[in-house]
Amino acid sequence: MDPESEQQAAETVRQLRALATPEGAVALDRALALLDAGTDPVAALTRLRSEAGTDLAGPAWGIARQRQRARATFGPDAERMLFTSDALEQAGRPELAARRAARLLAGGADSVADLGCAAGTDTIALARAGARVLAVDVDPVARELTATNVEALGVADDVWVVAGDAVELVAAARGGEVAGCGAAVLDPARRAGGKRQLDPDRWSPPWSTVVELLAKVPTSVVKVAPGLDHDRAPAGIEAEWVSVGGFIVEALLWGPAVATTWRRATVVRGGEVHELTADADPGPATAGPVRSWLHEPDPAVIRSGLVSLAADELGATLVDPTIAYLSSDAAADSPWVRSYRVDEVLPFNLKKLRALLRSRGIGRVVVKKRGSAIEPETLARQLRTDARGTATVVVTRVAGAPTALVCDVSLPG
């Protein structure tokens, strides 16, 4: 860390400690109340300075904004936790952290090294699951956040927060343990300078440390980017993609002592967890014509390479060998896909598509696309009329040809 970064980190730590005092807690609560009331930021900061002092006003306002953002994910815990914007960006969903902790500890491990503890969200989940946790981070701000948050949530007795470099600790790992712990969680930082780092070798710690940890500490899990190249996953490692509400929220590599399959797609929908697994590459689904129903696989199913398993379960085929849309003769009651009734199929041509929709009395459409360069929002505007009917228009390729599928047409009574 360069001198300027060290100075900035030291100032952030000072501010966090000030907010952890009784006076700071009052300032933070006041800032949150002003935010919740929709107070103009300039007026709110002026009021905070007069009530809490200039030293606390700015930090309280900044942390309150992150706490407000965290509510949707962390619920009541958010009212007691501190986050910086970077730490909140990296923090995962607590229900998924609890799921990871339960699986990691299922084999009997009772001590875990959280390598890169950030705001302590994984540390908290592990401690709540019954583990003793060594929370490690090279960043003093991360350590301060973790120490404050574990204390606020009542698990500090089972947590030790220490300075340490994950690269060095993994290099020194022996006998299936790292830093004296029988299990490990690693969440490499995948952003730098406000930009996402797409190259795993540029993560912190880098990919080489990820591979080394999985080899040396069998009871381990590493959070990775959802777009990770499948070829990067080492042999004997389970790769899992997790989606919530139709969006991928995390990807995981499980060490050999925890792995139970080759690939796993986990879909959380309506509070229920569904898992699709394969012990080996199932290969691609077969292609066929567009039939009565179009099925859009969940992104976790797509990223895990398990579309063919979903296709087999539904009796469906791909509409194009290169496109992850399936089609079958029946609707699907399945967590793996979202289904659309196909009403019209035509070669993609804007003029002809507009004419068809006009003739059917359709004036409002939702546009979806895959394998096409069109902009869905732009096309939806171009197709809008005063007609009251609605539909979903899917622009894709069918057997290599640009095609529009008009689905789920709904016309007023």
Foldseek 3Di string as FASTA:
>chain_A
DDPVVVVVLVLLLVLLVVLLDPLNVVLLVLLLVCVVVVHDPVVSLVVSCVVRNPSRSVSSNQQSVLLVVCCVQAPPLSSQATAHPLLSVLDARLVVLLVLLCLLCVVPFAEEEEQACRLNSNVQSNLVVRHQYEYEEQRPNSLSNNCRSCVSVPRNVRYHYDYDALQVQLVPFADQDTPPGLEYEYEWAQDDPNHGNPQQCPTRVHLVSVVSNLVRHQSYKYWDDLQDDLVSQDPQWEWEWEDEPLHTRTIMIHHNVSDDAHYWYWYQYPNDIDIDGHRDQPDFFAEDAAEFKKWAFRVRCVSRNNLNVVCVVVVWGHQERVWSMIHDHDDDPDRGTDMWGFDDKDFDDLVVVLVVCVVVQAAAEQEAEDADPDDRVVSRVSNHDPGDKYWYWYFYDGHRTTMITTTDIDHDD
